[in-house]
């Protein structure tokens, strides 16, 4: 579950994807701070070809919410 998201987040925060729990949230991981969160949003836009509105960034604070958001905007992603 969440493997593509974990891979992207791991690259940004500098850890292995398996170190990121499924219930990870912003600030839960020491390196997932507000700056890294913005980097994550940009990486998601590039990886999944989605546009994240500025007002939505503050709501996308967990792997679950991010996954739901990306799935809703990328038909066919399982």
PDB file of N, CA and C in Angstrom:
ATOM      1  N   UNK A   1       0.840  -1.179   0.000  1.00  0.00           N
ATOM      2  CA  UNK A   1       0.000   0.000   0.000  1.00  0.00           C
ATOM      3  C   UNK A   1       0.888   1.247   0.000  1.00  0.00           C
ATOM      4  N   UNK A   2       0.551   2.225  -0.750  1.00  0.00           N
ATOM      5  CA  UNK A   2       1.248   3.506  -0.796  1.00  0.00           C
ATOM      6  C   UNK A   2       2.689   3.419  -1.313  1.00  0.00           C
ATOM      7  N   UNK A   3       3.067   2.325  -1.940  1.00  0.00           N
ATOM      8  CA  UNK A   3       4.475   2.145  -2.315  1.00  0.00           C
ATOM      9  C   UNK A   3       5.031   3.276  -3.186  1.00  0.00           C
ATOM     10  N   UNK A   4       4.329   3.727  -4.245  1.00  0.00           N
ATOM     11  CA  UNK A   4       4.891   4.833  -5.027  1.00  0.00           C
ATOM     12  C   UNK A   4       5.063   6.102  -4.192  1.00  0.00           C
ATOM     13  N   UNK A   5       4.108   6.362  -3.315  1.00  0.00           N
ATOM     14  CA  UNK A   5       4.206   7.549  -2.465  1.00  0.00           C
ATOM     15  C   UNK A   5       5.361   7.430  -1.481  1.00  0.00           C
ATOM     16  N   UNK A   6       5.523   6.252  -0.916  1.00  0.00           N
ATOM     17  CA  UNK A   6       6.633   6.035   0.016  1.00  0.00           C
ATOM     18  C   UNK A   6       7.976   6.210  -0.684  1.00  0.00           C
ATOM     19  N   UNK A   7       8.078   5.727  -1.910  1.00  0.00           N
ATOM     20  CA  UNK A   7       9.322   5.864  -2.663  1.00  0.00           C
ATOM     21  C   UNK A   7       9.665   7.335  -2.867  1.00  0.00           C
ATOM     22  N   UNK A   8       8.682   8.115  -3.262  1.00  0.00           N
ATOM     23  CA  UNK A   8       8.905   9.544  -3.495  1.00  0.00           C
ATOM     24  C   UNK A   8       9.259  10.253  -2.195  1.00  0.00           C
ATOM     25  N   UNK A   9       8.491   9.995  -1.140  1.00  0.00           N
ATOM     26  CA  UNK A   9       8.754  10.631   0.144  1.00  0.00           C
ATOM     27  C   UNK A   9      10.125  10.230   0.678  1.00  0.00           C
ATOM     28  N   UNK A  10      10.484   8.976   0.527  1.00  0.00           N
ATOM     29  CA  UNK A  10      11.788   8.500   1.001  1.00  0.00           C
ATOM     30  C   UNK A  10      12.925   9.237   0.304  1.00  0.00           C
ATOM     31  N   UNK A  11      12.792   9.453  -0.995  1.00  0.00           N
ATOM     32  CA  UNK A  11      13.814  10.200  -1.729  1.00  0.00           C
ATOM     33  C   UNK A  11      13.951  11.614  -1.183  1.00  0.00           C
ATOM     34  N   UNK A  12      12.829  12.221  -0.851  1.00  0.00           N
ATOM     35  CA  UNK A  12      12.843  13.610  -0.383  1.00  0.00           C
ATOM     36  C   UNK A  12      13.401  13.733   1.035  1.00  0.00           C
ATOM     37  N   UNK A  13      13.027  12.816   1.909  1.00  0.00           N
ATOM     38  CA  UNK A  13      13.485  12.927   3.304  1.00  0.00           C
ATOM     39  C   UNK A  13      14.772  12.174   3.578  1.00  0.00           C
ATOM     40  N   UNK A  14      15.244  11.397   2.599  1.00  0.00           N
ATOM     41  CA  UNK A  14      16.528  10.733   2.754  1.00  0.00           C
ATOM     42  C   UNK A  14      16.502   9.485   3.615  1.00  0.00           C
ATOM     43  N   UNK A  15      15.535   8.631   3.372  1.00  0.00           N
ATOM     44  CA  UNK A  15      15.488   7.363   4.099  1.00  0.00           C
ATOM     45  C   UNK A  15      15.037   6.268   3.137  1.00  0.00           C
ATOM     46  N   UNK A  16      14.971   5.055   3.629  1.00  0.00           N
ATOM     47  CA  UNK A  16      14.494   3.939   2.815  1.00  0.00           C
ATOM     48  C   UNK A  16      12.960   3.916   2.869  1.00  0.00           C
ATOM     49  N   UNK A  17      12.312   3.550   1.770  1.00  0.00           N
ATOM     50  CA  UNK A  17      10.843   3.500   1.767  1.00  0.00           C
ATOM     51  C   UNK A  17      10.266   2.618   2.867  1.00  0.00           C
ATOM     52  N   UNK A  18      10.955   1.522   3.200  1.00  0.00           N
ATOM     53  CA  UNK A  18      10.428   0.634   4.233  1.00  0.00           C
ATOM     54  C   UNK A  18      10.486   1.242   5.634  1.00  0.00           C
ATOM     55  N   UNK A  19      11.181   2.352   5.791  1.00  0.00           N
ATOM     56  CA  UNK A  19      11.227   3.053   7.075  1.00  0.00           C
ATOM     57  C   UNK A  19      10.013   3.953   7.279  1.00  0.00           C
ATOM     58  N   UNK A  20       9.213   4.122   6.242  1.00  0.00           N
ATOM     59  CA  UNK A  20       8.051   5.003   6.321  1.00  0.00           C
ATOM     60  C   UNK A  20       6.814   4.170   6.620  1.00  0.00           C
ATOM     61  N   UNK A  21       6.176   4.401   7.759  1.00  0.00           N
ATOM     62  CA  UNK A  21       4.981   3.616   8.096  1.00  0.00           C
ATOM     63  C   UNK A  21       3.786   4.033   7.239  1.00  0.00           C
ATOM     64  N   UNK A  22       2.830   3.121   7.086  1.00  0.00           N
ATOM     65  CA  UNK A  22       1.637   3.417   6.297  1.00  0.00           C
ATOM     66  C   UNK A  22       0.842   4.584   6.865  1.00  0.00           C
ATOM     67  N   UNK A  23       0.948   4.818   8.162  1.00  0.00           N
ATOM     68  CA  UNK A  23       0.193   5.908   8.779  1.00  0.00           C
ATOM     69  C   UNK A  23       1.017   7.198   8.914  1.00  0.00           C
ATOM     70  N   UNK A  24       2.073   7.318   8.117  1.00  0.00           N
ATOM     71  CA  UNK A  24       2.947   8.495   8.196  1.00  0.00           C
ATOM     72  C   UNK A  24       2.180   9.783   7.911  1.00  0.00           C
ATOM     73  N   UNK A  25       2.539  10.809   8.673  1.00  0.00           N
ATOM     74  CA  UNK A  25       1.941  12.128   8.526  1.00  0.00           C
ATOM     75  C   UNK A  25       3.036  13.184   8.574  1.00  0.00           C
ATOM     76  N   UNK A  26       2.721  14.339   8.042  1.00  0.00           N
ATOM     77  CA  UNK A  26       3.626  15.478   8.098  1.00  0.00           C
ATOM     78  C   UNK A  26       4.078  15.681   9.532  1.00  0.00           C
ATOM     79  N   UNK A  27       5.349  15.888   9.726  1.00  0.00           N
ATOM     80  CA  UNK A  27       6.003  16.125  11.014  1.00  0.00           C
ATOM     81  C   UNK A  27       6.138  14.852  11.847  1.00  0.00           C
ATOM     82  N   UNK A  28       5.557  13.731  11.412  1.00  0.00           N
ATOM     83  CA  UNK A  28       5.722  12.468  12.139  1.00  0.00           C
ATOM     84  C   UNK A  28       7.150  11.971  11.968  1.00  0.00           C
ATOM     85  N   UNK A  29       7.652  12.105  10.760  1.00  0.00           N
ATOM     86  CA  UNK A  29       9.052  11.789  10.488  1.00  0.00           C
ATOM     87  C   UNK A  29       9.846  13.068  10.682  1.00  0.00           C
ATOM     88  N   UNK A  30      10.942  12.974  11.349  1.00  0.00           N
ATOM     89  CA  UNK A  30      11.721  14.175  11.662  1.00  0.00           C
ATOM     90  C   UNK A  30      12.047  15.003  10.416  1.00  0.00           C
ATOM     91  N   UNK A  31      12.389  14.336   9.337  1.00  0.00           N
ATOM     92  CA  UNK A  31      12.787  15.061   8.136  1.00  0.00           C
ATOM     93  C   UNK A  31      11.607  15.539   7.283  1.00  0.00           C
ATOM     94  N   UNK A  32      10.386  15.085   7.579  1.00  0.00           N
ATOM     95  CA  UNK A  32       9.218  15.525   6.808  1.00  0.00           C
ATOM     96  C   UNK A  32       8.684  16.803   7.443  1.00  0.00           C
ATOM     97  N   UNK A  33       9.360  17.898   7.149  1.00  0.00           N
ATOM     98  CA  UNK A  33       8.984  19.196   7.678  1.00  0.00           C
ATOM     99  C   UNK A  33       8.243  19.981   6.595  1.00  0.00           C
ATOM    100  N   UNK A  34       7.954  21.229   6.857  1.00  0.00           N
ATOM    101  CA  UNK A  34       7.159  22.015   5.909  1.00  0.00           C
ATOM    102  C   UNK A  34       7.881  22.223   4.579  1.00  0.00           C
ATOM    103  N   UNK A  35       9.178  22.393   4.598  1.00  0.00           N
ATOM    104  CA  UNK A  35       9.928  22.558   3.353  1.00  0.00           C
ATOM    105  C   UNK A  35       9.900  21.266   2.536  1.00  0.00           C
ATOM    106  N   UNK A  36      10.146  20.146   3.193  1.00  0.00           N
ATOM    107  CA  UNK A  36      10.104  18.856   2.495  1.00  0.00           C
ATOM    108  C   UNK A  36       8.689  18.551   2.005  1.00  0.00           C
ATOM    109  N   UNK A  37       7.693  19.052   2.724  1.00  0.00           N
ATOM    110  CA  UNK A  37       6.307  18.847   2.309  1.00  0.00           C
ATOM    111  C   UNK A  37       6.060  19.548   0.963  1.00  0.00           C
ATOM    112  N   UNK A  38       6.564  20.748   0.822  1.00  0.00           N
ATOM    113  CA  UNK A  38       6.423  21.451  -0.464  1.00  0.00           C
ATOM    114  C   UNK A  38       7.168  20.710  -1.570  1.00  0.00           C
ATOM    115  N   UNK A  39       8.346  20.183  -1.264  1.00  0.00           N
ATOM    116  CA  UNK A  39       9.089  19.392  -2.240  1.00  0.00           C
ATOM    117  C   UNK A  39       8.290  18.147  -2.630  1.00  0.00           C
ATOM    118  N   UNK A  40       7.632  17.535  -1.653  1.00  0.00           N
ATOM    119  CA  UNK A  40       6.806  16.366  -1.929  1.00  0.00           C
ATOM    120  C   UNK A  40       5.660  16.724  -2.862  1.00  0.00           C
ATOM    121  N   UNK A  41       5.008  17.838  -2.627  1.00  0.00           N
ATOM    122  CA  UNK A  41       3.893  18.249  -3.481  1.00  0.00           C
ATOM    123  C   UNK A  41       4.361  18.454  -4.917  1.00  0.00           C
ATOM    124  N   UNK A  42       5.509  19.078  -5.101  1.00  0.00           N
ATOM    125  CA  UNK A  42       6.053  19.278  -6.448  1.00  0.00           C
ATOM    126  C   UNK A  42       6.406  17.950  -7.108  1.00  0.00           C
ATOM    127  N   UNK A  43       6.978  17.048  -6.326  1.00  0.00           N
ATOM    128  CA  UNK A  43       7.331  15.735  -6.868  1.00  0.00           C
ATOM    129  C   UNK A  43       6.086  14.946  -7.264  1.00  0.00           C
ATOM    130  N   UNK A  44       5.026  15.057  -6.481  1.00  0.00           N
ATOM    131  CA  UNK A  44       3.767  14.379  -6.811  1.00  0.00           C
ATOM    132  C   UNK A  44       3.178  14.933  -8.099  1.00  0.00           C
ATOM    133  N   UNK A  45       3.232  16.241  -8.251  1.00  0.00           N
ATOM    134  CA  UNK A  45       2.730  16.845  -9.491  1.00  0.00           C
ATOM    135  C   UNK A  45       3.476  16.299 -10.700  1.00  0.00           C
ATOM    136  N   UNK A  46       4.781  16.193 -10.591  1.00  0.00           N
ATOM    137  CA  UNK A  46       5.591  15.692 -11.709  1.00  0.00           C
ATOM    138  C   UNK A  46       5.363  14.204 -11.942  1.00  0.00           C
ATOM    139  N   UNK A  47       5.331  13.421 -10.893  1.00  0.00           N
ATOM    140  CA  UNK A  47       5.208  11.967 -11.009  1.00  0.00           C
ATOM    141  C   UNK A  47       3.839  11.536 -11.532  1.00  0.00           C
ATOM    142  N   UNK A  48       2.790  12.168 -11.039  1.00  0.00           N
ATOM    143  CA  UNK A  48       1.439  11.726 -11.362  1.00  0.00           C
ATOM    144  C   UNK A  48       0.705  12.660 -12.316  1.00  0.00           C
ATOM    145  N   UNK A  49       1.379  13.694 -12.787  1.00  0.00           N
ATOM    146  CA  UNK A  49       0.791  14.647 -13.727  1.00  0.00           C
ATOM    147  C   UNK A  49      -0.522  15.222 -13.184  1.00  0.00           C
ATOM    148  N   UNK A  50      -0.462  15.694 -11.954  1.00  0.00           N
ATOM    149  CA  UNK A  50      -1.603  16.353 -11.323  1.00  0.00           C
ATOM    150  C   UNK A  50      -1.184  17.766 -10.941  1.00  0.00           C
ATOM    151  N   UNK A  51      -2.167  18.628 -10.768  1.00  0.00           N
ATOM    152  CA  UNK A  51      -1.885  19.981 -10.291  1.00  0.00           C
ATOM    153  C   UNK A  51      -2.507  20.125  -8.910  1.00  0.00           C
ATOM    154  N   UNK A  52      -1.693  20.447  -7.938  1.00  0.00           N
ATOM    155  CA  UNK A  52      -2.165  20.596  -6.567  1.00  0.00           C
ATOM    156  C   UNK A  52      -2.319  22.085  -6.279  1.00  0.00           C
ATOM    157  N   UNK A  53      -3.537  22.481  -5.962  1.00  0.00           N
ATOM    158  CA  UNK A  53      -3.824  23.876  -5.647  1.00  0.00           C
ATOM    159  C   UNK A  53      -3.163  24.248  -4.324  1.00  0.00           C
ATOM    160  N   UNK A  54      -2.722  25.472  -4.203  1.00  0.00           N
ATOM    161  CA  UNK A  54      -2.046  25.934  -2.988  1.00  0.00           C
ATOM    162  C   UNK A  54      -2.892  25.692  -1.740  1.00  0.00           C
ATOM    163  N   UNK A  55      -4.191  25.910  -1.844  1.00  0.00           N
ATOM    164  CA  UNK A  55      -5.047  25.731  -0.672  1.00  0.00           C
ATOM    165  C   UNK A  55      -5.230  24.261  -0.295  1.00  0.00           C
ATOM    166  N   UNK A  56      -4.906  23.344  -1.184  1.00  0.00           N
ATOM    167  CA  UNK A  56      -5.019  21.922  -0.891  1.00  0.00           C
ATOM    168  C   UNK A  56      -3.777  21.355  -0.195  1.00  0.00           C
ATOM    169  N   UNK A  57      -2.657  22.017  -0.334  1.00  0.00           N
ATOM    170  CA  UNK A  57      -1.399  21.521   0.219  1.00  0.00           C
ATOM    171  C   UNK A  57      -1.504  21.290   1.726  1.00  0.00           C
ATOM    172  N   UNK A  58      -2.150  22.189   2.426  1.00  0.00           N
ATOM    173  CA  UNK A  58      -2.291  22.072   3.871  1.00  0.00           C
ATOM    174  C   UNK A  58      -3.180  20.933   4.314  1.00  0.00           C
ATOM    175  N   UNK A  59      -3.976  20.396   3.399  1.00  0.00           N
ATOM    176  CA  UNK A  59      -4.854  19.273   3.736  1.00  0.00           C
ATOM    177  C   UNK A  59      -4.205  17.928   3.424  1.00  0.00           C
ATOM    178  N   UNK A  60      -3.192  17.923   2.595  1.00  0.00           N
ATOM    179  CA  UNK A  60      -2.539  16.680   2.176  1.00  0.00           C
ATOM    180  C   UNK A  60      -1.375  16.373   3.116  1.00  0.00           C
ATOM    181  N   UNK A  61      -1.710  15.994   4.337  1.00  0.00           N
ATOM    182  CA  UNK A  61      -0.706  15.872   5.392  1.00  0.00           C
ATOM    183  C   UNK A  61      -0.441  14.440   5.847  1.00  0.00           C
ATOM    184  N   UNK A  62      -1.000  13.465   5.131  1.00  0.00           N
ATOM    185  CA  UNK A  62      -0.744  12.062   5.484  1.00  0.00           C
ATOM    186  C   UNK A  62      -0.687  11.248   4.198  1.00  0.00           C
ATOM    187  N   UNK A  63      -0.049  10.085   4.280  1.00  0.00           N
ATOM    188  CA  UNK A  63      -0.006   9.223   3.102  1.00  0.00           C
ATOM    189  C   UNK A  63      -1.413   8.853   2.652  1.00  0.00           C
ATOM    190  N   UNK A  64      -2.302   8.625   3.593  1.00  0.00           N
ATOM    191  CA  UNK A  64      -3.679   8.259   3.241  1.00  0.00           C
ATOM    192  C   UNK A  64      -4.368   9.377   2.462  1.00  0.00           C
ATOM    193  N   UNK A  65      -4.284  10.595   2.947  1.00  0.00           N
ATOM    194  CA  UNK A  65      -4.918  11.720   2.250  1.00  0.00           C
ATOM    195  C   UNK A  65      -4.277  11.972   0.889  1.00  0.00           C
ATOM    196  N   UNK A  66      -2.961  11.870   0.830  1.00  0.00           N
ATOM    197  CA  UNK A  66      -2.264  12.073  -0.438  1.00  0.00           C
ATOM    198  C   UNK A  66      -2.670  10.998  -1.434  1.00  0.00           C
ATOM    199  N   UNK A  67      -2.716   9.756  -0.985  1.00  0.00           N
ATOM    200  CA  UNK A  67      -3.104   8.656  -1.862  1.00  0.00           C
ATOM    201  C   UNK A  67      -4.529   8.853  -2.377  1.00  0.00           C
ATOM    202  N   UNK A  68      -5.450   9.202  -1.511  1.00  0.00           N
ATOM    203  CA  UNK A  68      -6.833   9.457  -1.925  1.00  0.00           C
ATOM    204  C   UNK A  68      -6.886  10.569  -2.965  1.00  0.00           C
ATOM    205  N   UNK A  69      -6.139  11.624  -2.732  1.00  0.00           N
ATOM    206  CA  UNK A  69      -6.110  12.773  -3.635  1.00  0.00           C
ATOM    207  C   UNK A  69      -5.594  12.367  -5.014  1.00  0.00           C
ATOM    208  N   UNK A  70      -4.468  11.667  -5.035  1.00  0.00           N
ATOM    209  CA  UNK A  70      -3.865  11.266  -6.310  1.00  0.00           C
ATOM    210  C   UNK A  70      -4.774  10.285  -7.050  1.00  0.00           C
ATOM    211  N   UNK A  71      -5.330   9.327  -6.341  1.00  0.00           N
ATOM    212  CA  UNK A  71      -6.240   8.347  -6.961  1.00  0.00           C
ATOM    213  C   UNK A  71      -7.447   9.026  -7.592  1.00  0.00           C
ATOM    214  N   UNK A  72      -7.977  10.034  -6.927  1.00  0.00           N
ATOM    215  CA  UNK A  72      -9.153  10.740  -7.445  1.00  0.00           C
ATOM    216  C   UNK A  72      -8.836  11.509  -8.721  1.00  0.00           C
ATOM    217  N   UNK A  73      -7.573  11.841  -8.917  1.00  0.00           N
ATOM    218  CA  UNK A  73      -7.198  12.660 -10.076  1.00  0.00           C
ATOM    219  C   UNK A  73      -6.440  11.900 -11.164  1.00  0.00           C
ATOM    220  N   UNK A  74      -6.203  10.627 -10.929  1.00  0.00           N
ATOM    221  CA  UNK A  74      -5.510   9.802 -11.921  1.00  0.00           C
ATOM    222  C   UNK A  74      -6.303   8.527 -12.175  1.00  0.00           C
ATOM    223  N   UNK A  75      -7.291   8.612 -13.050  1.00  0.00           N
ATOM    224  CA  UNK A  75      -8.100   7.423 -13.351  1.00  0.00           C
ATOM    225  C   UNK A  75      -7.226   6.252 -13.780  1.00  0.00           C
ATOM    226  N   UNK A  76      -7.598   5.087 -13.311  1.00  0.00           N
ATOM    227  CA  UNK A  76      -6.848   3.890 -13.671  1.00  0.00           C
ATOM    228  C   UNK A  76      -5.727   3.543 -12.713  1.00  0.00           C
ATOM    229  N   UNK A  77      -5.406   4.428 -11.789  1.00  0.00           N
ATOM    230  CA  UNK A  77      -4.370   4.117 -10.792  1.00  0.00           C
ATOM    231  C   UNK A  77      -4.988   3.256  -9.712  1.00  0.00           C
ATOM    232  N   UNK A  78      -4.428   2.102  -9.524  1.00  0.00           N
ATOM    233  CA  UNK A  78      -5.002   1.179  -8.517  1.00  0.00           C
ATOM    234  C   UNK A  78      -4.318   1.310  -7.187  1.00  0.00           C
TER     235      UNK A  78
END
